[in-house]
Protein backbone atom coordinates (compact mmCIF):
# COMPACT_ATOMS: atom_id res chain seq x y z
CA UNK A 1 82.70 141.97 174.10
CA UNK A 2 83.77 139.42 171.58
CA UNK A 3 81.13 137.52 169.92
CA UNK A 4 81.34 134.89 166.99
CA UNK A 5 79.36 136.18 164.14
CA UNK A 6 76.47 134.38 162.50
CA UNK A 7 76.35 136.23 159.48
CA UNK A 8 79.03 137.28 157.23
CA UNK A 9 78.58 139.89 154.50
CA UNK A 10 81.18 139.70 151.55
CA UNK A 11 81.17 142.71 149.60
CA UNK A 12 83.08 142.42 146.13
CA UNK A 13 81.99 138.58 146.09
CA UNK A 14 82.18 138.17 142.53
CA UNK A 15 85.60 139.83 142.33
CA UNK A 16 89.05 138.37 141.69
CA UNK A 17 90.26 138.27 145.51
CA UNK A 18 86.86 136.45 146.24
CA UNK A 19 87.23 133.90 143.62
CA UNK A 20 90.88 133.01 144.43
CA UNK A 21 91.27 133.65 148.15
CA UNK A 22 88.19 134.18 150.12
CA UNK A 23 85.54 131.77 148.79
CA UNK A 24 88.29 128.82 148.80
CA UNK A 25 89.53 130.20 152.59
CA UNK A 26 86.02 130.04 153.82
CA UNK A 27 85.31 126.46 152.34
CA UNK A 28 88.71 125.37 153.58
CA UNK A 29 87.58 126.30 157.26
CA UNK A 30 83.98 124.95 156.79
CA UNK A 31 85.73 121.30 155.70
CA UNK A 32 87.66 121.61 158.78
CA UNK A 33 84.65 122.23 160.91
CA UNK A 34 86.12 125.81 162.04
CA UNK A 35 82.77 127.75 161.09
CA UNK A 36 79.66 127.86 163.34
CA UNK A 37 77.10 125.71 161.87
CA UNK A 38 74.61 128.38 161.98
CA UNK A 39 77.09 130.89 159.95
CA UNK A 40 75.50 132.45 156.70
CA UNK A 41 77.40 133.84 154.15
CA UNK A 42 75.82 136.61 152.09
CA UNK A 43 77.80 137.64 148.91
CA UNK A 44 77.04 141.14 147.31
CA UNK A 45 78.06 142.84 144.23
CA UNK A 46 76.89 144.77 141.46
CA UNK A 47 76.52 141.90 139.04
CA UNK A 48 72.78 140.46 138.94
CA UNK A 49 72.74 136.79 140.32
CA UNK A 50 70.12 134.85 141.91
CA UNK A 51 71.18 132.71 145.10
CA UNK A 52 71.78 129.70 142.76
CA UNK A 53 73.86 131.71 140.44
CA UNK A 54 76.15 132.76 143.08
CA UNK A 55 76.44 129.08 144.45
CA UNK A 56 77.46 128.02 140.90
CA UNK A 57 79.90 130.83 140.58
CA UNK A 58 81.43 129.77 144.03
CA UNK A 59 81.66 126.17 142.92
CA UNK A 60 83.57 127.05 139.81
CA UNK A 61 85.97 128.97 141.93
CA UNK A 62 86.41 126.03 144.53
CA UNK A 63 86.97 123.48 141.80
CA UNK A 64 89.73 125.56 140.62
CA UNK A 65 91.48 127.22 143.61
CA UNK A 66 90.55 124.66 146.68
CA UNK A 67 92.71 121.41 147.10
CA UNK A 68 90.63 118.69 146.13
CA UNK A 69 91.47 116.73 149.42
CA UNK A 70 89.36 119.78 151.21
CA UNK A 71 86.29 119.63 148.87
CA UNK A 72 84.46 117.05 150.79
CA UNK A 73 82.05 119.32 152.55
CA UNK A 74 81.61 121.64 149.41
CA UNK A 75 77.76 121.11 148.96
CA UNK A 76 77.46 121.99 152.90
CA UNK A 77 79.21 125.02 152.05
CA UNK A 78 77.55 126.11 149.06
CA UNK A 79 74.38 125.99 151.17
CA UNK A 80 75.48 128.74 153.32
CA UNK A 81 75.89 131.11 150.46
CA UNK A 82 73.16 133.41 149.37
CA UNK A 83 73.52 136.68 147.14
CA UNK A 84 72.23 140.06 146.77
CA UNK A 85 73.01 142.40 143.96
CA UNK A 86 73.92 145.83 145.35
CA UNK A 87 75.06 149.08 143.40
CA UNK A 88 76.32 151.28 146.60
CA UNK A 89 75.75 154.49 145.00
CA UNK A 90 71.90 153.57 145.11
CA UNK A 91 69.97 153.50 148.43
CA UNK A 92 67.54 150.86 147.35
CA UNK A 93 70.14 148.04 147.16
CA UNK A 94 71.01 148.57 151.10
CA UNK A 95 67.44 148.15 151.97
CA UNK A 96 67.21 144.86 149.82
CA UNK A 97 70.52 143.90 151.65
CA UNK A 98 69.30 144.44 154.97
CA UNK A 99 65.91 142.52 154.26
CA UNK A 100 68.18 139.64 153.05
CA UNK A 101 70.13 139.72 156.31
CA UNK A 102 67.04 140.05 158.34
CA UNK A 103 66.97 141.49 162.03
CA UNK A 104 68.82 140.45 165.06
CA UNK A 105 71.98 138.99 163.63
CA UNK A 106 75.51 139.32 164.80
CA UNK A 107 77.40 140.62 161.84
CA UNK A 108 80.77 140.68 160.27
CA UNK A 109 81.36 142.61 156.93
CA UNK A 110 84.41 142.45 154.88
CA UNK A 111 84.89 145.12 152.19
CA UNK A 112 86.82 143.86 149.33
CA UNK A 113 86.13 146.56 146.96
CA UNK A 114 87.93 149.70 145.94
CA UNK A 115 88.78 152.12 148.73
CA UNK A 116 87.24 154.97 147.02
CA UNK A 117 83.90 153.07 147.50
CA UNK A 118 84.13 152.64 151.31
CA UNK A 119 82.85 156.00 152.50
CA UNK A 120 79.76 155.42 150.25
CA UNK A 121 79.19 151.71 151.27
CA UNK A 122 79.51 152.43 155.11
CA UNK A 123 77.22 155.27 154.69
CA UNK A 124 74.54 153.12 152.94
CA UNK A 125 75.05 150.37 155.55
CA UNK A 126 74.42 152.96 158.35
CA UNK A 127 71.42 154.33 156.88
CA UNK A 128 69.64 150.72 157.12
CA UNK A 129 70.89 149.96 160.43
CA UNK A 130 73.80 147.41 159.29
CA UNK A 131 76.52 149.03 161.57
CA UNK A 132 74.78 149.32 164.90
CA UNK A 133 75.38 146.97 167.85
CA UNK A 134 78.46 144.97 168.00
CA UNK A 135 78.74 144.41 164.02
CA UNK A 136 82.45 144.40 163.18
CA UNK A 137 83.99 145.31 159.59
CA UNK A 138 86.99 143.93 157.72
CA UNK A 139 88.73 146.36 155.39
CA UNK A 140 91.06 145.26 152.58
CA UNK A 141 94.20 147.20 151.58
CA UNK A 142 95.20 149.78 150.09
CA UNK A 143 93.85 152.14 152.74
CA UNK A 144 94.87 155.28 151.00
CA UNK A 145 97.71 156.57 148.67
CA UNK A 146 99.17 158.76 151.16
CA UNK A 147 98.57 159.97 154.90
CA UNK A 148 95.92 162.31 153.89
CA UNK A 149 93.77 159.99 152.02
CA UNK A 150 94.21 157.44 154.67
CA UNK A 151 92.95 159.55 157.29
CA UNK A 152 89.88 160.38 155.12
CA UNK A 153 89.20 156.82 154.89
CA UNK A 154 89.66 156.00 158.21
CA UNK A 155 87.69 159.14 159.32
CA UNK A 156 84.74 157.63 157.15
CA UNK A 157 84.92 154.27 159.07
CA UNK A 158 85.13 155.47 162.45
CA UNK A 159 81.99 157.48 161.97
CA UNK A 160 80.28 154.04 161.99
CA UNK A 161 82.51 151.88 164.00
CA UNK A 162 84.60 152.06 166.86
CA UNK A 163 88.26 151.03 166.61
CA UNK A 164 87.68 147.77 168.29
CA UNK A 165 85.29 146.79 165.48
CA UNK A 166 87.68 147.72 162.65
CA UNK A 167 89.77 144.82 161.36
CA UNK A 168 92.10 146.33 158.61
CA UNK A 169 93.67 143.56 156.84
CA UNK A 170 97.56 143.06 155.78
CA UNK A 171 97.28 139.58 154.52
CA UNK A 172 101.08 139.03 155.23
CA UNK A 173 100.02 138.98 158.86
CA UNK A 174 97.89 135.95 158.11
CA UNK A 175 100.98 133.78 156.80
CA UNK A 176 101.93 131.04 159.21
CA UNK A 177 105.96 131.70 159.04
CA UNK A 178 105.10 135.55 159.82
CA UNK A 179 103.32 134.58 162.92
CA UNK A 180 106.28 132.04 163.68
CA UNK A 181 108.47 135.11 163.66
CA UNK A 182 106.65 135.97 167.05
CA UNK A 183 107.27 132.40 168.49
CA UNK A 184 111.08 132.32 166.99
CA UNK A 185 111.56 135.41 169.09
CA UNK A 186 109.78 135.09 172.08
CA UNK A 187 109.55 131.64 172.86
CA UNK A 188 113.29 130.79 172.72
CA UNK A 189 115.84 132.01 175.33
CA UNK A 190 118.40 131.62 172.61
CA UNK A 191 117.70 134.55 170.50
CA UNK A 192 116.45 137.37 172.92
CA UNK A 193 119.82 138.43 174.40
CA UNK A 194 121.42 138.62 171.03
CA UNK A 195 118.51 140.35 169.34
CA UNK A 196 119.97 143.93 169.41
CA UNK A 197 122.35 146.26 167.86
CA UNK A 198 125.31 144.91 169.90
CA UNK A 199 125.30 141.56 168.53
CA UNK A 200 123.31 142.02 164.96
CA UNK A 201 125.28 143.52 162.20
CA UNK A 202 122.15 144.29 160.02
CA UNK A 203 118.90 142.99 158.70
CA UNK A 204 117.63 142.23 155.22
CA UNK A 205 113.80 142.25 154.12
CA UNK A 206 113.14 140.90 150.47
CA UNK A 207 109.88 140.68 148.83
CA UNK A 208 110.82 139.53 145.12
CA UNK A 209 108.09 138.87 142.44
CA UNK A 210 108.58 137.24 139.01
CA UNK A 211 105.60 138.46 137.43
CA UNK A 212 104.76 141.98 135.80
CA UNK A 213 101.41 143.83 135.92
CA UNK A 214 99.22 140.99 135.27
CA UNK A 215 95.72 142.32 135.81
CA UNK A 216 96.56 145.15 138.29
CA UNK A 217 97.30 147.59 135.48
CA UNK A 218 95.50 150.62 136.57
CA UNK A 219 96.00 150.33 140.22
CA UNK A 220 99.88 149.37 140.13
CA UNK A 221 100.73 152.54 137.73
CA UNK A 222 99.19 154.63 140.44
CA UNK A 223 100.77 153.32 143.18
CA UNK A 224 104.27 151.93 142.48
CA UNK A 225 106.34 149.33 144.39
CA UNK A 226 106.74 151.77 147.49
CA UNK A 227 103.19 152.14 148.13
CA UNK A 228 102.04 148.69 147.02
CA UNK A 229 104.64 146.74 148.82
CA UNK A 230 106.91 148.77 151.51
CA UNK A 231 104.13 151.03 153.08
CA UNK A 232 102.09 147.56 154.35
CA UNK A 233 103.72 144.37 153.95
CA UNK A 234 107.58 145.34 154.49
CA UNK A 235 106.98 147.75 157.28
CA UNK A 236 104.72 145.02 159.06
CA UNK A 237 107.66 142.62 158.69
CA UNK A 238 110.11 145.15 159.86
CA UNK A 239 108.08 145.81 162.82
CA UNK A 240 107.71 142.29 163.69
CA UNK A 241 111.58 142.09 163.71
CA UNK A 242 112.29 144.91 165.57
CA UNK A 243 109.83 145.24 168.38
CA UNK A 244 109.99 144.95 172.02
CA UNK A 245 108.80 142.02 173.67
CA UNK A 246 104.87 142.75 174.26
CA UNK A 247 103.77 141.96 177.87
CA UNK A 248 101.15 139.55 176.57
CA UNK A 249 99.70 138.49 173.43
CA UNK A 250 96.37 140.62 173.45
CA UNK A 251 95.67 142.42 170.28
CA UNK A 252 96.54 145.83 171.63
CA UNK A 253 99.80 144.53 173.70
CA UNK A 254 101.20 143.18 170.30
CA UNK A 255 100.12 146.27 168.17
CA UNK A 256 101.44 148.80 170.95
CA UNK A 257 105.00 147.37 170.25
CA UNK A 258 104.72 147.62 166.48
CA UNK A 259 103.55 151.13 166.62
CA UNK A 260 106.71 152.03 168.90
CA UNK A 261 109.06 150.77 166.14
CA UNK A 262 107.14 152.48 163.28
CA UNK A 263 107.38 155.71 165.11
CA UNK A 264 111.12 155.48 165.77
CA UNK A 265 111.97 154.99 162.02
CA UNK A 266 114.51 157.52 160.98
CA UNK A 267 113.71 159.72 157.89
CA UNK A 268 115.47 158.25 154.71
CA UNK A 269 117.94 160.60 153.33
CA UNK A 270 119.37 161.00 149.66
CA UNK A 271 121.51 158.05 148.80
CA UNK A 272 119.68 155.66 150.99
CA UNK A 273 116.91 154.69 148.44
CA UNK A 274 117.13 153.31 145.00
CA UNK A 275 114.21 152.79 142.35
CA UNK A 276 114.12 151.15 139.26
CA UNK A 277 111.69 149.96 136.27
CA UNK A 278 111.96 146.88 134.30
CA UNK A 279 112.76 146.76 130.56
CA UNK A 280 112.08 143.76 128.45
CA UNK A 281 114.34 140.65 129.02
CA UNK A 282 114.65 137.19 129.64
CA UNK A 283 112.39 136.01 132.76
CA UNK A 284 111.53 132.55 133.74
CA UNK A 285 112.71 130.98 130.31
CA UNK A 286 111.07 133.49 128.21
CA UNK A 287 111.35 136.84 126.69
CA UNK A 288 108.93 139.52 128.49
CA UNK A 289 108.18 142.89 127.50
CA UNK A 290 109.12 146.03 129.65
CA UNK A 291 107.00 147.96 131.92
CA UNK A 292 106.18 150.60 129.55
CA UNK A 293 105.27 148.01 126.79
CA UNK A 294 102.96 146.08 129.17
CA UNK A 295 101.41 149.36 130.35
CA UNK A 296 100.95 150.71 126.72
CA UNK A 297 102.62 154.09 127.47
CA UNK A 298 105.39 155.85 128.86
CA UNK A 299 105.47 155.97 132.88
CA UNK A 300 107.94 156.96 135.71
CA UNK A 301 106.17 154.60 138.00
CA UNK A 302 108.83 152.52 140.16
CA UNK A 303 108.45 148.50 139.83
CA UNK A 304 111.48 148.18 142.09
CA UNK A 305 112.56 149.88 145.20
CA UNK A 306 115.49 149.32 147.72
CA UNK A 307 115.96 151.44 151.17
CA UNK A 308 118.27 151.61 153.89
CA UNK A 309 116.06 152.14 157.08
CA UNK A 310 117.05 152.99 160.74
CA UNK A 311 115.24 152.28 163.95
CA UNK A 312 116.15 155.06 166.40
CA UNK A 313 116.02 153.33 169.52
CA UNK A 314 117.95 151.69 172.36
CA UNK A 315 117.93 148.26 170.87
CA UNK A 316 118.68 149.12 167.46
CA UNK A 317 120.51 152.33 167.02
CA UNK A 318 123.26 151.71 164.51
CA UNK A 319 121.98 148.64 162.89
CA UNK A 320 120.99 149.16 159.17
CA UNK A 321 117.64 147.58 157.74
CA UNK A 322 117.99 146.98 154.13
CA UNK A 323 114.58 146.69 152.34
CA UNK A 324 113.92 145.53 148.75
CA UNK A 325 111.23 144.69 146.52
CA UNK A 326 110.42 144.49 142.86
CA UNK A 327 108.71 142.79 140.01
CA UNK A 328 110.21 140.76 137.43
CA UNK A 329 113.04 139.52 139.46
CA UNK A 330 114.70 136.20 139.18
CA UNK A 331 112.64 134.46 141.63
CA UNK A 332 109.57 134.60 143.75
CA UNK A 333 110.91 134.94 147.33
CA UNK A 334 109.81 136.63 150.64
CA UNK A 335 112.46 136.27 153.32
CA UNK A 336 114.19 137.95 156.51
CA UNK A 337 117.94 137.76 156.76
CA UNK A 338 119.32 138.42 160.05
CA UNK A 339 122.92 138.63 159.86
CA UNK A 340 124.93 138.67 163.24
CA UNK A 341 128.40 140.16 163.90
CA UNK A 342 131.39 138.19 163.66
CA UNK A 343 132.98 136.88 166.68
CA UNK A 344 135.47 139.56 168.24
CA UNK A 345 138.47 137.48 167.90
CA UNK A 346 139.51 134.22 165.84
CA UNK A 347 141.42 131.71 167.69
CA UNK A 348 141.67 129.62 164.56
CA UNK A 349 144.83 130.84 162.79
CA UNK A 350 144.06 131.21 158.93
CA UNK A 351 140.27 130.06 159.03
CA UNK A 352 137.83 132.40 157.07
CA UNK A 353 135.31 133.10 159.87
CA UNK A 354 131.70 133.89 158.46
CA UNK A 355 129.08 135.43 160.86
CA UNK A 356 125.94 133.74 161.86
CA UNK A 357 123.16 134.30 159.58
CA UNK A 358 119.58 133.31 160.56
CA UNK A 359 117.23 133.31 157.47
CA UNK A 360 113.41 133.05 157.63
CA UNK A 361 111.72 132.29 154.49
CA UNK A 362 108.14 133.11 154.16
CA UNK A 363 107.24 132.17 150.63
CA UNK A 364 107.12 130.18 148.72
CA UNK A 365 108.94 127.87 150.96
CA UNK A 366 108.37 128.32 154.66
CA UNK A 367 111.65 127.32 156.51
CA UNK A 368 114.09 128.62 158.93
CA UNK A 369 117.91 128.56 158.59
CA UNK A 370 120.53 129.20 160.92
CA UNK A 371 124.10 129.09 159.60
CA UNK A 372 126.88 128.16 162.08
CA UNK A 373 130.72 127.73 161.83
CA UNK A 374 131.85 123.87 162.08
CA UNK A 375 135.13 122.07 161.54
CA UNK A 376 135.37 120.25 158.22
CA UNK A 377 136.30 116.54 158.92
CA UNK A 378 139.71 115.30 158.30
CA UNK A 379 143.29 115.64 159.86
CA UNK A 380 144.36 119.33 159.72
CA UNK A 381 148.01 119.84 159.82
CA UNK A 382 147.89 123.50 159.66
CA UNK A 383 145.14 124.24 161.94
CA UNK A 384 141.29 123.58 161.81
CA UNK A 385 139.51 124.21 158.58
CA UNK A 386 136.03 125.71 159.09
CA UNK A 387 133.06 126.11 157.19
CA UNK A 388 129.51 127.60 157.47
CA UNK A 389 126.87 124.83 157.75
CA UNK A 390 123.09 125.25 158.01
CA UNK A 391 120.73 124.41 160.66
CA UNK A 392 117.36 123.87 158.71
CA UNK A 393 113.94 123.77 159.70
CA UNK A 394 111.84 123.20 156.89
CA UNK A 395 108.04 123.97 158.53
CA UNK A 396 105.91 121.50 156.43
CA UNK A 397 108.52 118.82 157.21
CA UNK A 398 108.48 119.76 160.94
CA UNK A 399 104.93 119.80 161.36
CA UNK A 400 104.06 117.12 158.89
CA UNK A 401 100.31 115.99 158.97
CA UNK A 402 99.60 119.57 159.60
CA UNK A 403 97.54 121.14 156.75
CA UNK A 404 99.34 124.27 154.98
CA UNK A 405 96.85 127.14 155.33
CA UNK A 406 96.47 130.32 153.33
CA UNK A 407 96.86 133.41 155.09
CA UNK A 408 92.99 134.31 154.18
CA UNK A 409 91.74 131.26 156.26
CA UNK A 410 93.37 132.75 159.51
CA UNK A 411 92.43 136.26 158.85
CA UNK A 412 88.77 135.51 158.02
CA UNK A 413 88.17 133.17 161.18
CA UNK A 414 89.68 135.96 163.30
CA UNK A 415 87.32 138.51 161.97
CA UNK A 416 84.40 136.00 162.34
CA UNK A 417 85.39 135.46 166.00
CA UNK A 418 86.61 139.09 166.71
CA UNK A 419 90.24 138.51 167.34
CA UNK A 420 92.25 141.68 166.23
CA UNK A 421 95.93 140.62 167.07
CA UNK A 422 96.92 139.91 163.35
CA UNK A 423 95.03 143.14 161.90
CA UNK A 424 96.50 146.64 161.65
CA UNK A 425 95.47 149.48 163.96
CA UNK A 426 94.79 153.00 162.92
CA UNK A 427 97.90 154.46 164.41
CA UNK A 428 100.17 151.82 163.02
CA UNK A 429 98.87 152.82 159.24
CA UNK A 430 99.17 156.41 160.01
CA UNK A 431 102.79 155.89 161.32
CA UNK A 432 103.55 153.83 158.00
CA UNK A 433 101.99 156.49 155.82
CA UNK A 434 104.10 159.23 157.43
CA UNK A 435 107.33 157.56 156.63
CA UNK A 436 106.39 156.73 153.16
CA UNK A 437 105.17 160.23 152.30
CA UNK A 438 108.57 161.55 153.34
CA UNK A 439 110.20 159.35 151.16
CA UNK A 440 107.96 160.31 148.29
CA UNK A 441 108.66 163.75 149.21
CA UNK A 442 112.45 163.38 149.07
CA UNK A 443 112.03 161.82 145.55
CA UNK A 444 110.04 164.62 144.39
CA UNK A 445 112.71 167.18 145.71
CA UNK A 446 115.66 165.11 144.36
CA UNK A 447 113.82 164.81 140.88
CA UNK A 448 114.40 161.20 141.30
CA UNK A 449 113.66 158.78 138.49
CA UNK A 450 113.73 155.10 138.54
CA UNK A 451 116.57 153.37 136.77
CA UNK A 452 116.45 150.72 134.14
CA UNK A 453 116.86 147.13 134.83
CA UNK A 454 116.51 144.05 132.76
CA UNK A 455 113.63 141.43 133.45
CA UNK A 456 115.14 138.65 135.08
CA UNK A 457 117.70 140.46 137.21
CA UNK A 458 117.84 141.54 140.72
CA UNK A 459 117.30 145.28 139.84
CA UNK A 460 119.55 148.15 139.28
CA UNK A 461 123.05 147.65 139.83
CA UNK A 462 122.79 150.92 142.24
CA UNK A 463 120.62 148.59 144.61
CA UNK A 464 123.71 146.43 145.10
CA UNK A 465 126.07 149.36 145.64
CA UNK A 466 123.49 150.56 148.29
CA UNK A 467 124.41 147.72 150.38
CA UNK A 468 128.07 147.30 149.47
CA UNK A 469 129.22 150.51 150.68
CA UNK A 470 128.34 149.15 154.07
CA UNK A 471 130.31 145.94 153.26
CA UNK A 472 126.76 144.16 153.11
CA UNK A 473 125.76 141.63 150.34
CA UNK A 474 122.25 141.23 149.43
CA UNK A 475 121.18 137.63 150.18
CA UNK A 476 120.55 135.78 146.86
């Protein structure tokens, strides 16, 4: 039965994610009166802190990362916070945490720690009775580095929690425009009859970053672009674009349809994948070092990957999905491009026809653009002059007065209230890893090496050729 938690335990409460996202998100929810009045938030990490020290840590985080207009109730929010130092490798810390929480509480737990600590942490929680009853747990990615390690983590979690109490987070699913993709598809009769291989030529999904390694050196070099971005964020976006209409909006009804898409992904073949690694160059108006220079040693980790994917089912057979992600690209953008096919016959002599194109911008701008062919005003003696013109919906303008929320606000509230719709189920994770593991096995068999590309460019030229072989141009 769904319940609203009255105690939220944050593991990794002094980490960067907590400082930048979790604490500001919870404070924003508190400001908007979306948290129950009796909700307590217990932070825990290895650092020795008093309750007051943790509140001061949180205050500094909120002053830096929470918009000024949402700080009105900051004092009330800080009073919700308490802290317990905990080394997950020692039993004593879990006993102290259990004493801090007290008996008979409705618990939600969020693990914002290294996945290598999940098994130890959950075992410690189980020993002191903090996994019993209806306690639910949220898990921050990454969940493993391949299918085998992912199954190991999921088995450890499943030993203490049934699936209906496990909330695996992919923060992209908390973004407003990603959720709006479901509304766009299934709340408008305009699109669904055309949303198939008969009418859609191809789909592009781009997740581009301008930054380099920043503070993720150790993690990123062990993961690379494929496992960092494609395995989770991009495959979730692909599944939302390609899934069949669910019978309803319950968590399992939505996730059942996503799993079907992920299981229908055809294995990528040689020639359908390109990887790259950035070299030094001009990016964002300054000269930046190459990946090896930032890392401090040579590496064969890919910082860019482009893929041609196929969903082998009746709806999508023959429509390619082009996926592209990378670091040190010209601009930060996440977008989905749905390219429709051209009209079967043009009655406009000499007019250059362009296919309709739907562009769903996810970040940094949240907008939806549909390009349509229209007549250029004027007196035409030799036939109509046509041009593609956009219909734009800028989400902040369309819903002016509505506060823009970051993804973790939605996800933390759903964890507290027990709604799994925007969280990833185990069979989704495993289907994603199977597809990714097959790609990595292909790279190993082909002795695939990342191609160099200059920082500030759109990746290796081979990624352009990957699409252009099919007459497709990346949307830039």
